[in-house]
Structures are given as C-alpha cells and as structure tokens.
C-alpha cells in the first residue's frame, strides 16, 4: 500500500492508543508502517507537526448532536460526544493542552458549539462567558484538582482504614473520603458522573442567565 498522509496519521493514532503517546516517535511510526522513517517527512513536517495532525484527526471524530430545538440538550449531547471521543483516545487531552493553536477540526467544533449557544438565544456576552466557564469541557475533558486514579487501596478494609487515618488529622476530608464509595472507604470518583454533574450545573446556570437576559 502506498504511503500517504492519511495512512501515516491513522497509524500514529493507533500507536498512541495502543502504547501511549510517549511511544510515538518517527522511528516507531516507521516501524509500525514498515517504511524508512525518513520517508515520513515527505508527508509530515516533524514530530510537532505530527502531533498537531493527530489532534486534528481525533477532534474530527466528535459527532455533532442530532437536531434539537432545545439548546441545552444539543450542547450537552455535543459535549458528551466529545467526552466519548476523548475516552477512546486517553492521550489526546494532554496533547491538545500542549498545542499553541487550535486545529481546523477544533475550530469547526467550536463553531458548532457557538452556533448552538447563539441559536439558543444567549446574548453574545453570555456566550463569551459560557465558553470560558465550559473551558476544556467543550472538547470532552476537564482538569481535576487531583488525580485520584492511583494510590487508592483496592481492598475495602485497607481503604476504610486509610479513610479513618485521614479523618484523624482532616475530619472533613475524612468524612468525604468515607462517603465516596459504597464500601465506606477511600476510593476514586466516577469521572463520567462528575463530568456530567459539572456540565449540567453549568448549563442550568447559563439557562437561568439566558432567561434573565
């Protein structure tokens, strides 16, 4: 099969999905494709150009919402579609954050979001505020204060003990830690639930301000 930019980008995304973004190099990509790595430079400028391009590919996968007269429902569906895309490519959010400029697919996605917001009757100044408060949620991810995915005991008894130890010095945090899992011990949050909860709070607040305006 002839080498093409499309084939290179498909292989780069596949490699990052399978082995992590740290594995992606021109050498590894050449091996993945069975070609001399130097031949890749005929289609992509360099490693940074490759990262720009695969971000564009991933964001381009985000499905628009089905036609809906309710702007909140349309925006919610669009953003949750973006989240599903980011979950398929766990490395993508970090790469997006590292890019200096939005890609063409990102600009098209943002245009869709703005079209929903403005079409829903939000004044321009409120639409501007909406983009700021939504932030990276528009692209399906958000940056939590702490990453609780690691370092949490899997054993329920050990997790409960850790929560009790935490409560000794930090009673309010210990109370929270004991409440967030069914086992009564410290555990990770459900990121999908928390993402949707935060999104709904933002959309409800924007609707209240839209009505007031």
Protein backbone atom coordinates (compact mmCIF):
# COMPACT_ATOMS: atom_id res chain seq x y z
CA UNK A 1 0.00 0.00 0.00
CA UNK A 2 1.39 3.42 -0.95
CA UNK A 3 2.44 5.69 1.86
CA UNK A 4 0.12 8.66 2.33
CA UNK A 5 -0.52 11.32 4.96
CA UNK A 6 -3.85 9.69 5.84
CA UNK A 7 -2.22 6.30 6.34
CA UNK A 8 0.53 7.84 8.49
CA UNK A 9 -1.96 9.64 10.74
CA UNK A 10 -4.14 6.54 11.15
CA UNK A 11 -1.07 4.55 12.20
CA UNK A 12 0.07 7.31 14.59
CA UNK A 13 -3.31 7.41 16.34
CA UNK A 14 -3.39 3.60 16.51
CA UNK A 15 0.11 3.52 18.02
CA UNK A 16 -0.72 6.20 20.61
CA UNK A 17 -3.97 4.40 21.54
CA UNK A 18 -2.21 1.07 21.93
CA UNK A 19 1.11 2.01 23.54
CA UNK A 20 0.63 5.55 24.84
CA UNK A 21 1.66 8.89 23.41
CA UNK A 22 5.17 8.51 24.85
CA UNK A 23 5.72 5.64 22.42
CA UNK A 24 5.08 7.82 19.39
CA UNK A 25 8.24 8.72 17.51
CA UNK A 26 9.11 8.91 13.84
CA UNK A 27 11.23 5.78 14.25
CA UNK A 28 8.44 3.78 15.93
CA UNK A 29 5.92 5.06 13.42
CA UNK A 30 8.16 3.95 10.56
CA UNK A 31 8.38 0.51 12.14
CA UNK A 32 4.60 0.40 12.55
CA UNK A 33 4.16 1.17 8.86
CA UNK A 34 7.10 -0.94 7.69
CA UNK A 35 8.82 2.01 5.99
CA UNK A 36 12.01 4.04 6.36
CA UNK A 37 11.26 6.73 8.99
CA UNK A 38 12.83 9.35 6.74
CA UNK A 39 10.05 8.79 4.19
CA UNK A 40 7.52 10.10 6.73
CA UNK A 41 8.95 13.61 6.38
CA UNK A 42 7.57 13.77 2.87
CA UNK A 43 4.10 13.89 4.45
CA UNK A 44 4.53 15.44 7.93
CA UNK A 45 6.86 18.31 8.82
CA UNK A 46 8.27 16.88 12.06
CA UNK A 47 7.16 15.37 15.37
CA UNK A 48 5.32 18.54 16.40
CA UNK A 49 3.56 18.65 13.05
CA UNK A 50 2.57 15.03 13.57
CA UNK A 51 1.07 15.83 16.98
CA UNK A 52 -0.86 18.76 15.51
CA UNK A 53 -2.23 16.47 12.82
CA UNK A 54 -3.32 13.58 15.04
CA UNK A 55 -5.09 16.00 17.39
CA UNK A 56 -6.98 17.25 14.35
CA UNK A 57 -7.89 13.66 13.46
CA UNK A 58 -9.20 12.92 16.96
CA UNK A 59 -11.24 16.10 17.32
CA UNK A 60 -12.63 15.44 13.86
CA UNK A 61 -14.18 12.22 15.23
CA UNK A 62 -16.52 14.15 17.56
CA UNK A 63 -20.09 13.57 16.42
CA UNK A 64 -22.39 16.61 16.26
CA UNK A 65 -25.62 16.45 18.19
CA UNK A 66 -28.79 15.40 16.47
CA UNK A 67 -31.01 18.32 15.53
CA UNK A 68 -32.83 19.51 18.64
CA UNK A 69 -34.74 22.70 19.35
CA UNK A 70 -33.50 22.70 22.96
CA UNK A 71 -30.06 24.32 23.04
CA UNK A 72 -29.16 22.76 26.39
CA UNK A 73 -29.88 19.24 25.15
CA UNK A 74 -27.96 19.85 21.94
CA UNK A 75 -24.94 21.29 23.72
CA UNK A 76 -24.99 18.55 26.35
CA UNK A 77 -25.08 15.84 23.68
CA UNK A 78 -22.29 17.51 21.69
CA UNK A 79 -20.04 17.76 24.73
CA UNK A 80 -20.75 14.21 25.92
CA UNK A 81 -19.99 13.03 22.38
CA UNK A 82 -16.67 14.84 22.72
CA UNK A 83 -16.06 13.07 26.02
CA UNK A 84 -16.69 9.66 24.44
CA UNK A 85 -14.15 10.55 21.77
CA UNK A 86 -11.54 11.55 24.37
CA UNK A 87 -12.11 8.34 26.31
CA UNK A 88 -11.31 6.37 23.15
CA UNK A 89 -8.02 8.26 22.93
CA UNK A 90 -6.86 8.83 26.54
CA UNK A 91 -3.64 10.56 25.45
CA UNK A 92 -5.40 13.21 23.37
CA UNK A 93 -6.35 15.67 26.11
CA UNK A 94 -2.73 16.12 27.19
CA UNK A 95 -1.62 16.70 23.61
CA UNK A 96 -4.45 19.18 22.98
CA UNK A 97 -3.37 21.17 26.05
CA UNK A 98 0.18 21.32 24.70
CA UNK A 99 -0.77 22.81 21.32
CA UNK A 100 -0.19 26.53 20.75
CA UNK A 101 -3.02 26.94 18.23
CA UNK A 102 -6.36 25.18 17.69
CA UNK A 103 -6.51 22.77 14.77
CA UNK A 104 -9.00 23.13 11.89
CA UNK A 105 -11.19 20.38 13.38
CA UNK A 106 -11.13 22.16 16.74
CA UNK A 107 -12.21 25.41 15.09
CA UNK A 108 -15.08 23.61 13.34
CA UNK A 109 -16.13 22.01 16.63
CA UNK A 110 -16.03 25.36 18.41
CA UNK A 111 -18.11 26.88 15.61
CA UNK A 112 -20.74 24.17 16.16
CA UNK A 113 -20.74 24.89 19.89
CA UNK A 114 -21.13 28.63 19.32
CA UNK A 115 -23.90 28.01 16.80
CA UNK A 116 -25.82 26.00 19.41
CA UNK A 117 -25.26 28.63 22.10
CA UNK A 118 -26.19 31.62 19.96
CA UNK A 119 -29.05 29.73 18.32
CA UNK A 120 -30.40 29.07 21.82
CA UNK A 121 -30.81 32.77 22.39
CA UNK A 122 -27.79 33.51 24.59
CA UNK A 123 -26.56 37.08 24.07
CA UNK A 124 -23.03 37.43 22.74
CA UNK A 125 -21.53 38.50 26.08
CA UNK A 126 -23.11 35.48 27.82
CA UNK A 127 -21.92 33.20 25.00
CA UNK A 128 -18.42 34.53 25.62
CA UNK A 129 -18.71 33.78 29.34
CA UNK A 130 -20.10 30.34 28.51
CA UNK A 131 -17.01 29.36 26.53
CA UNK A 132 -14.77 30.45 29.40
CA UNK A 133 -16.69 28.59 32.09
CA UNK A 134 -17.02 25.45 29.97
CA UNK A 135 -13.31 25.55 29.13
CA UNK A 136 -11.88 22.20 28.11
CA UNK A 137 -15.26 20.52 28.75
CA UNK A 138 -16.20 21.71 25.26
CA UNK A 139 -13.64 19.17 23.99
CA UNK A 140 -14.72 16.44 26.39
CA UNK A 141 -12.25 16.67 29.24
CA UNK A 142 -11.61 18.69 32.37
CA UNK A 143 -8.63 19.06 34.66
CA UNK A 144 -9.41 17.90 38.19
CA UNK A 145 -7.59 19.36 41.17
CA UNK A 146 -6.06 15.97 41.98
CA UNK A 147 -5.78 12.67 40.14
CA UNK A 148 -7.32 10.05 42.43
CA UNK A 149 -6.96 7.18 39.98
CA UNK A 150 -3.75 5.87 41.59
CA UNK A 151 -2.66 5.27 45.14
CA UNK A 152 -6.08 4.16 46.39
CA UNK A 153 -6.20 0.75 48.05
CA UNK A 154 -8.32 -1.77 46.18
CA UNK A 155 -9.07 -3.77 49.30
CA UNK A 156 -12.19 -2.40 51.06
CA UNK A 157 -10.79 -2.91 54.59
CA UNK A 158 -7.50 -1.17 53.72
CA UNK A 159 -9.40 1.67 52.06
CA UNK A 160 -11.60 2.13 55.14
CA UNK A 161 -8.50 2.20 57.37
CA UNK A 162 -6.93 4.86 55.18
CA UNK A 163 -10.09 6.94 55.43
CA UNK A 164 -10.04 6.68 59.25
CA UNK A 165 -6.39 7.73 59.35
CA UNK A 166 -7.18 10.71 57.15
CA UNK A 167 -10.07 11.69 59.42
CA UNK A 168 -7.71 11.85 62.40
CA UNK A 169 -5.98 14.95 61.03
CA UNK A 170 -8.51 16.20 58.48
CA UNK A 171 -12.02 15.36 59.72
CA UNK A 172 -13.94 16.97 56.86
CA UNK A 173 -11.78 15.28 54.21
CA UNK A 174 -12.03 12.01 56.08
CA UNK A 175 -15.80 12.33 56.15
CA UNK A 176 -15.79 12.89 52.40
CA UNK A 177 -13.39 10.03 51.75
CA UNK A 178 -15.56 7.60 53.69
CA UNK A 179 -18.66 8.66 51.79
CA UNK A 180 -17.48 8.39 48.20
CA UNK A 181 -17.51 4.60 47.95
CA UNK A 182 -20.10 2.01 48.84
CA UNK A 183 -17.50 0.17 50.89
CA UNK A 184 -17.18 3.08 53.30
CA UNK A 185 -13.53 3.62 52.45
CA UNK A 186 -11.40 5.96 50.42
CA UNK A 187 -11.89 5.40 46.72
CA UNK A 188 -11.73 7.02 43.32
CA UNK A 189 -14.63 9.05 41.98
CA UNK A 190 -16.66 8.11 38.92
CA UNK A 191 -15.19 10.57 36.44
CA UNK A 192 -18.06 10.23 33.96
CA UNK A 193 -20.63 11.04 36.65
CA UNK A 194 -18.63 14.01 37.91
CA UNK A 195 -18.08 15.34 34.38
CA UNK A 196 -21.81 15.20 33.60
CA UNK A 197 -22.70 16.71 37.00
CA UNK A 198 -20.43 19.70 36.43
CA UNK A 199 -21.68 20.12 32.87
CA UNK A 200 -25.31 20.13 33.99
CA UNK A 201 -24.59 22.75 36.66
CA UNK A 202 -23.00 25.00 34.05
CA UNK A 203 -25.82 24.54 31.54
CA UNK A 204 -28.51 25.15 34.18
CA UNK A 205 -26.73 28.33 35.25
CA UNK A 206 -26.42 29.55 31.66
CA UNK A 207 -30.13 28.87 31.08
CA UNK A 208 -31.01 30.92 34.17
CA UNK A 209 -28.90 33.83 32.92
CA UNK A 210 -30.31 33.50 29.40
CA UNK A 211 -33.85 33.70 30.77
CA UNK A 212 -32.96 36.72 32.89
CA UNK A 213 -31.42 38.47 29.89
